[in-house]
C-alpha atoms as a PDB file:
ATOM      1  CA  MET A   1      -0.020  -0.010  -0.027  1.00  0.00           C
ATOM      2  CA  ARG A   2       2.982   2.348   0.676  1.00  0.00           C
ATOM      3  CA  LYS A   3       4.145   1.916  -2.937  1.00  0.00           C
ATOM      4  CA  TRP A   4       0.693   2.775  -4.367  1.00  0.00           C
ATOM      5  CA  ASN A   5       0.625   5.868  -1.993  1.00  0.00           C
ATOM      6  CA  ALA A   6       4.094   6.815  -3.266  1.00  0.00           C
ATOM      7  CA  LEU A   7       3.008   6.524  -6.940  1.00  0.00           C
ATOM      8  CA  ILE A   8      -0.193   8.509  -6.217  1.00  0.00           C
ATOM      9  CA  SER A   9       2.014  11.167  -4.471  1.00  0.00           C
ATOM     10  CA  VAL A  10       4.086  11.524  -7.533  1.00  0.00           C
ATOM     11  CA  LEU A  11       1.046  11.930  -9.683  1.00  0.00           C
ATOM     12  CA  ILE A  12      -0.382  14.541  -7.325  1.00  0.00           C
ATOM     13  CA  LEU A  13       2.940  16.452  -7.310  1.00  0.00           C
ATOM     14  CA  ALA A  14       3.063  16.462 -11.176  1.00  0.00           C
ATOM     15  CA  LEU A  15      -0.598  17.562 -11.469  1.00  0.00           C
ATOM     16  CA  PHE A  16       0.052  20.173  -8.790  1.00  0.00           C
ATOM     17  CA  ILE A  17       2.930  21.616 -10.648  1.00  0.00           C
ATOM     18  CA  VAL A  18       0.750  21.841 -13.841  1.00  0.00           C
ATOM     19  CA  HIS A  19      -2.106  23.349 -11.777  1.00  0.00           C
ATOM     20  CA  ALA A  20       0.130  25.881 -10.062  1.00  0.00           C
ATOM     21  CA  VAL A  21       1.994  26.976 -13.108  1.00  0.00           C
ATOM     22  CA  SER A  22      -1.246  27.276 -15.265  1.00  0.00           C
ATOM     23  CA  GLY A  23      -3.148  28.948 -12.460  1.00  0.00           C
ATOM     24  CA  THR A  24      -0.299  31.384 -11.822  1.00  0.00           C
ATOM     25  CA  TYR A  25      -0.126  32.234 -15.569  1.00  0.00           C
ATOM     26  CA  GLN A  26      -3.930  32.726 -15.537  1.00  0.00           C
ATOM     27  CA  MET A  27      -3.787  35.018 -12.489  1.00  0.00           C
ATOM     28  CA  ALA A  28      -1.000  36.989 -13.937  1.00  0.00           C
ATOM     29  CA  GLY A  29      -3.050  37.456 -17.153  1.00  0.00           C
ATOM     30  CA  ILE A  30      -0.622  35.520 -19.403  1.00  0.00           C
ATOM     31  CA  LEU A  31      -3.115  32.572 -20.066  1.00  0.00           C
ATOM     32  CA  PRO A  32      -6.702  33.363 -20.844  1.00  0.00           C
ATOM     33  CA  GLY A  33      -9.266  32.419 -18.341  1.00  0.00           C
ATOM     34  CA  GLY A  34     -11.732  29.510 -18.713  1.00  0.00           C
ATOM     35  CA  SER A  35     -10.215  26.181 -19.484  1.00  0.00           C
ATOM     36  CA  SER A  36     -12.339  23.007 -19.231  1.00  0.00           C
ATOM     37  CA  PHE A  37      -9.083  20.934 -19.588  1.00  0.00           C
ATOM     38  CA  ARG A  38      -7.521  22.529 -16.525  1.00  0.00           C
ATOM     39  CA  LYS A  39     -10.733  21.968 -14.584  1.00  0.00           C
ATOM     40  CA  VAL A  40     -10.736  18.306 -15.457  1.00  0.00           C
ATOM     41  CA  LEU A  41      -7.020  18.074 -14.339  1.00  0.00           C
ATOM     42  CA  ALA A  42      -7.953  19.794 -11.016  1.00  0.00           C
ATOM     43  CA  PHE A  43     -10.666  17.257 -10.334  1.00  0.00           C
ATOM     44  CA  VAL A  44      -8.294  14.357 -11.149  1.00  0.00           C
ATOM     45  CA  MET A  45      -5.906  15.820  -8.726  1.00  0.00           C
ATOM     46  CA  LEU A  46      -8.728  16.236  -6.175  1.00  0.00           C
ATOM     47  CA  VAL A  47      -9.616  12.440  -6.623  1.00  0.00           C
ATOM     48  CA  LEU A  48      -5.941  11.507  -6.188  1.00  0.00           C
ATOM     49  CA  LEU A  49      -5.749  13.738  -3.091  1.00  0.00           C
ATOM     50  CA  ILE A  50      -8.754  12.028  -1.528  1.00  0.00           C
ATOM     51  CA  LEU A  51      -7.198   8.668  -2.250  1.00  0.00           C
ATOM     52  CA  HIS A  52      -3.863   9.782  -0.915  1.00  0.00           C
ATOM     53  CA  ALA A  53      -5.477  11.017   2.281  1.00  0.00           C
ATOM     54  CA  LEU A  54      -7.392   7.800   2.804  1.00  0.00           C
ATOM     55  CA  ILE A  55      -4.282   5.608   2.337  1.00  0.00           C
ATOM     56  CA  GLY A  56      -2.255   7.994   4.508  1.00  0.00           C
ATOM     57  CA  THR A  57      -4.917   7.769   7.223  1.00  0.00           C
ATOM     58  CA  ILE A  58      -4.914   4.021   7.110  1.00  0.00           C
ATOM     59  CA  LEU A  59      -1.074   3.782   7.288  1.00  0.00           C
ATOM     60  CA  GLY A  60      -1.077   6.486  10.005  1.00  0.00           C
ATOM     61  CA  ILE A  61      -3.543   4.472  12.170  1.00  0.00           C
ATOM     62  CA  GLU A  62      -1.380   1.419  11.645  1.00  0.00           C
ATOM     63  CA  THR A  63       1.658   3.224  12.828  1.00  0.00           C
ATOM     64  CA  VAL A  64      -0.114   4.770  15.803  1.00  0.00           C
ATOM     65  CA  LYS A  65      -1.398   1.346  16.784  1.00  0.00           C
ATOM     66  CA  ALA A  66       2.162  -0.080  16.589  1.00  0.00           C
ATOM     67  CA  MET A  67       3.394   2.829  18.797  1.00  0.00           C
ATOM     68  CA  LYS A  68       0.655   2.178  21.270  1.00  0.00           C
ATOM     69  CA  LYS A  69       1.452  -1.523  21.381  1.00  0.00           C
ATOM     70  CA  SER A  70       5.172  -0.919  22.030  1.00  0.00           C
ATOM     71  CA  GLY A  71       4.043   1.630  24.779  1.00  0.00           C
ATOM     72  CA  VAL A  72       6.368   4.289  23.647  1.00  0.00           C
ATOM     73  CA  PHE A  73       5.557   7.056  21.123  1.00  0.00           C
ATOM     74  CA  TYR A  74       9.007   8.606  20.755  1.00  0.00           C
ATOM     75  CA  LEU A  75       7.514  11.992  19.979  1.00  0.00           C
ATOM     76  CA  ARG A  76      10.824  13.663  19.202  1.00  0.00           C
ATOM     77  CA  GLU A  77      12.059  10.815  16.906  1.00  0.00           C
ATOM     78  CA  ASN A  78       8.700  10.733  15.108  1.00  0.00           C
ATOM     79  CA  GLN A  79       8.449  14.447  14.794  1.00  0.00           C
ATOM     80  CA  ALA A  80       8.424  14.179  10.948  1.00  0.00           C
ATOM     81  CA  PHE A  81       5.580  11.665  11.066  1.00  0.00           C
ATOM     82  CA  PHE A  82       3.385  13.907  13.127  1.00  0.00           C
ATOM     83  CA  ALA A  83       4.233  17.115  11.232  1.00  0.00           C
ATOM     84  CA  GLN A  84       3.405  15.401   7.944  1.00  0.00           C
ATOM     85  CA  ARG A  85       0.036  14.271   9.349  1.00  0.00           C
ATOM     86  CA  ILE A  86      -0.886  17.550  10.865  1.00  0.00           C
ATOM     87  CA  SER A  87       0.163  19.494   7.753  1.00  0.00           C
ATOM     88  CA  GLY A  88      -1.766  16.976   5.630  1.00  0.00           C
ATOM     89  CA  LEU A  89      -4.930  17.635   7.692  1.00  0.00           C
ATOM     90  CA  ALA A  90      -4.422  21.414   7.481  1.00  0.00           C
ATOM     91  CA  MET A  91      -3.802  21.166   3.775  1.00  0.00           C
ATOM     92  CA  LEU A  92      -7.139  19.252   3.231  1.00  0.00           C
ATOM     93  CA  LEU A  93      -8.953  22.095   5.058  1.00  0.00           C
ATOM     94  CA  PHE A  94      -7.318  24.774   2.990  1.00  0.00           C
ATOM     95  CA  ILE A  95      -7.970  22.792  -0.245  1.00  0.00           C
ATOM     96  CA  LEU A  96     -11.615  22.739   0.752  1.00  0.00           C
ATOM     97  CA  VAL A  97     -11.561  26.540   1.202  1.00  0.00           C
ATOM     98  CA  HIS A  98      -9.538  26.881  -2.072  1.00  0.00           C
ATOM     99  CA  LEU A  99     -12.328  24.909  -3.897  1.00  0.00           C
ATOM    100  CA  LEU A 100     -15.000  27.148  -2.419  1.00  0.00           C
ATOM    101  CA  ILE A 101     -12.923  30.157  -3.615  1.00  0.00           C
ATOM    102  CA  PHE A 102     -12.280  29.075  -7.205  1.00  0.00           C
ATOM    103  CA  TYR A 103     -14.952  26.561  -8.207  1.00  0.00           C
ATOM    104  CA  VAL A 104     -18.030  27.580 -10.220  1.00  0.00           C
ATOM    105  CA  LYS A 105     -20.675  24.931 -10.258  1.00  0.00           C
ATOM    106  CA  ASP A 106     -22.478  25.775 -13.456  1.00  0.00           C
ATOM    107  CA  SER A 107     -19.447  26.664 -15.584  1.00  0.00           C
ATOM    108  CA  PRO A 108     -17.625  23.916 -17.428  1.00  0.00           C
ATOM    109  CA  LYS A 109     -14.435  26.062 -17.381  1.00  0.00           C
ATOM    110  CA  PHE A 110     -12.079  27.101 -14.736  1.00  0.00           C
ATOM    111  CA  VAL A 111     -12.688  30.756 -13.838  1.00  0.00           C
ATOM    112  CA  LEU A 112     -11.481  33.079 -11.178  1.00  0.00           C
ATOM    113  CA  HIS A 113     -13.526  34.772  -8.516  1.00  0.00           C
ATOM    114  CA  ASP A 114     -13.243  37.926  -6.244  1.00  0.00           C
ATOM    115  CA  PHE A 115      -9.697  37.686  -4.717  1.00  0.00           C
ATOM    116  CA  GLY A 116      -9.623  39.733  -1.464  1.00  0.00           C
ATOM    117  CA  MET A 117      -7.386  39.573   1.537  1.00  0.00           C
ATOM    118  CA  GLN A 118      -9.072  36.425   2.875  1.00  0.00           C
ATOM    119  CA  GLN A 119      -8.438  34.501  -0.337  1.00  0.00           C
ATOM    120  CA  LEU A 120      -4.815  35.667  -0.496  1.00  0.00           C
ATOM    121  CA  VAL A 121      -4.265  34.548   3.098  1.00  0.00           C
ATOM    122  CA  VAL A 122      -5.873  31.122   2.548  1.00  0.00           C
ATOM    123  CA  SER A 123      -3.882  30.633  -0.663  1.00  0.00           C
ATOM    124  CA  ILE A 124      -0.508  31.386   1.074  1.00  0.00           C
ATOM    125  CA  LEU A 125      -1.414  29.206   4.003  1.00  0.00           C
ATOM    126  CA  LEU A 126      -2.280  26.361   1.676  1.00  0.00           C
ATOM    127  CA  VAL A 127       1.160  26.853  -0.017  1.00  0.00           C
ATOM    128  CA  ALA A 128       2.963  26.903   3.397  1.00  0.00           C
ATOM    129  CA  CYS A 129       1.127  23.676   4.593  1.00  0.00           C
ATOM    130  CA  LEU A 130       2.226  22.139   1.201  1.00  0.00           C
ATOM    131  CA  VAL A 131       5.823  23.106   1.841  1.00  0.00           C
ATOM    132  CA  VAL A 132       5.787  21.532   5.429  1.00  0.00           C
ATOM    133  CA  HIS A 133       4.034  18.403   4.007  1.00  0.00           C
ATOM    134  CA  LEU A 134       6.662  18.080   1.235  1.00  0.00           C
ATOM    135  CA  VAL A 135       9.714  18.738   3.495  1.00  0.00           C
ATOM    136  CA  PHE A 136       8.750  16.051   5.913  1.00  0.00           C
ATOM    137  CA  GLY A 137       7.346  13.622   3.422  1.00  0.00           C
ATOM    138  CA  ILE A 138       9.810  13.788   0.393  1.00  0.00           C
ATOM    139  CA  ARG A 139      12.339  11.466   2.044  1.00  0.00           C
ATOM    140  CA  GLN A 140       9.775   8.770   2.714  1.00  0.00           C
ATOM    141  CA  LEU A 141       8.431   9.174  -0.795  1.00  0.00           C
ATOM    142  CA  LEU A 142      11.994   8.599  -2.341  1.00  0.00           C
ATOM    143  CA  ILE A 143      12.559   5.554  -0.062  1.00  0.00           C
ATOM    144  CA  SER A 144       9.095   4.184  -1.015  1.00  0.00           C
ATOM    145  CA  LEU A 145      10.046   4.513  -4.724  1.00  0.00           C
ATOM    146  CA  GLY A 146      13.293   2.497  -4.068  1.00  0.00           C
ATOM    147  CA  ILE A 147      15.657   5.475  -4.665  1.00  0.00           C
ATOM    148  CA  ARG A 148      18.640   4.810  -2.330  1.00  0.00           C
ATOM    149  CA  SER A 149      21.028   7.669  -3.106  1.00  0.00           C
ATOM    150  CA  PHE A 150      18.465  10.370  -2.923  1.00  0.00           C
ATOM    151  CA  SER A 151      20.524  13.351  -1.870  1.00  0.00           C
ATOM    152  CA  GLU A 152      20.956  14.692  -5.468  1.00  0.00           C
ATOM    153  CA  ILE A 153      17.365  13.782  -6.440  1.00  0.00           C
ATOM    154  CA  LEU A 154      16.046  15.342  -3.170  1.00  0.00           C
ATOM    155  CA  ALA A 155      17.816  18.615  -3.897  1.00  0.00           C
ATOM    156  CA  ASP A 156      16.502  18.659  -7.475  1.00  0.00           C
ATOM    157  CA  VAL A 157      12.971  17.931  -6.476  1.00  0.00           C
ATOM    158  CA  LEU A 158      12.946  20.484  -3.733  1.00  0.00           C
ATOM    159  CA  PHE A 159      14.480  23.078  -6.137  1.00  0.00           C
ATOM    160  CA  VAL A 160      11.724  22.506  -8.798  1.00  0.00           C
ATOM    161  CA  VAL A 161       8.996  22.539  -6.153  1.00  0.00           C
ATOM    162  CA  SER A 162      10.424  25.615  -4.520  1.00  0.00           C
ATOM    163  CA  VAL A 163      10.387  27.470  -7.861  1.00  0.00           C
ATOM    164  CA  VAL A 164       6.811  26.407  -8.612  1.00  0.00           C
ATOM    165  CA  LEU A 165       5.676  27.589  -5.091  1.00  0.00           C
ATOM    166  CA  LEU A 166       7.558  30.859  -5.452  1.00  0.00           C
ATOM    167  CA  LEU A 167       5.812  31.481  -8.878  1.00  0.00           C
ATOM    168  CA  SER A 168       2.491  30.594  -7.299  1.00  0.00           C
ATOM    169  CA  ALA A 169       3.030  33.086  -4.384  1.00  0.00           C
ATOM    170  CA  ILE A 170       3.954  35.754  -6.977  1.00  0.00           C
ATOM    171  CA  GLY A 171       0.873  34.912  -9.028  1.00  0.00           C
ATOM    172  CA  PHE A 172      -1.343  35.276  -5.964  1.00  0.00           C
ATOM    173  CA  LEU A 173       0.208  38.628  -5.148  1.00  0.00           C
ATOM    174  CA  ILE A 174      -0.109  39.876  -8.857  1.00  0.00           C
ATOM    175  CA  TYR A 175      -3.712  38.669  -8.953  1.00  0.00           C
ATOM    176  CA  PHE A 176      -4.396  40.208  -5.648  1.00  0.00           C
ATOM    177  CA  TYR A 177      -3.009  43.508  -6.914  1.00  0.00           C
ATOM    178  CA  ARG A 178      -4.908  43.388 -10.232  1.00  0.00           C
ATOM    179  CA  TRP A 179      -8.128  42.538  -8.606  1.00  0.00           C
ATOM    180  CA  ASN A 180      -8.147  44.930  -5.718  1.00  0.00           C
ATOM    181  CA  LEU A 181      -6.134  47.849  -7.045  1.00  0.00           C
ATOM    182  CA  ALA A 182      -5.955  47.866 -10.799  1.00  0.00           C
ATOM    183  CA  TRP A 183      -9.434  46.781 -11.713  1.00  0.00           C
ATOM    184  CA  ARG A 184     -11.380  48.780  -9.180  1.00  0.00           C
ATOM    185  CA  PRO A 185     -12.049  52.497  -9.401  1.00  0.00           C
END
């Protein structure tokens, strides 16, 4: 089950990069708004996220049961385990809010809504939770995929994700500026 969860994680990461880059370009005004293909990719990513959360919950419960059975939780040693679970839960809540901000039920296309301070804060907190989740989970992901010498790959993956997240944050700020200052009288 860990191998499947690792493969799902890689798919989610790839879809997230596409989603973040295309969303950033759309918010910055480089890509036109309204793409049914991007909306389908977002829903595929959502289904994979739900599956990832279910598998992660099952594996987490098994781990906590093993800790309970041994009688010792080793909180300091399992700091990454608990940080990953807490950041994952927080990320699910922020993803729900993100869906409420950006999803239009009757539109077959991906469109943008009013983007005020609350939306900016939620979007940046979502990105922050994602960073925590990735930092504490990337090592286990690479181990689950069977990559033994992962120091070089780890640096490359973290660099690519960092650039995408930085672009996303810049896109949020540009869109916030355009929506609140440039488009309003």
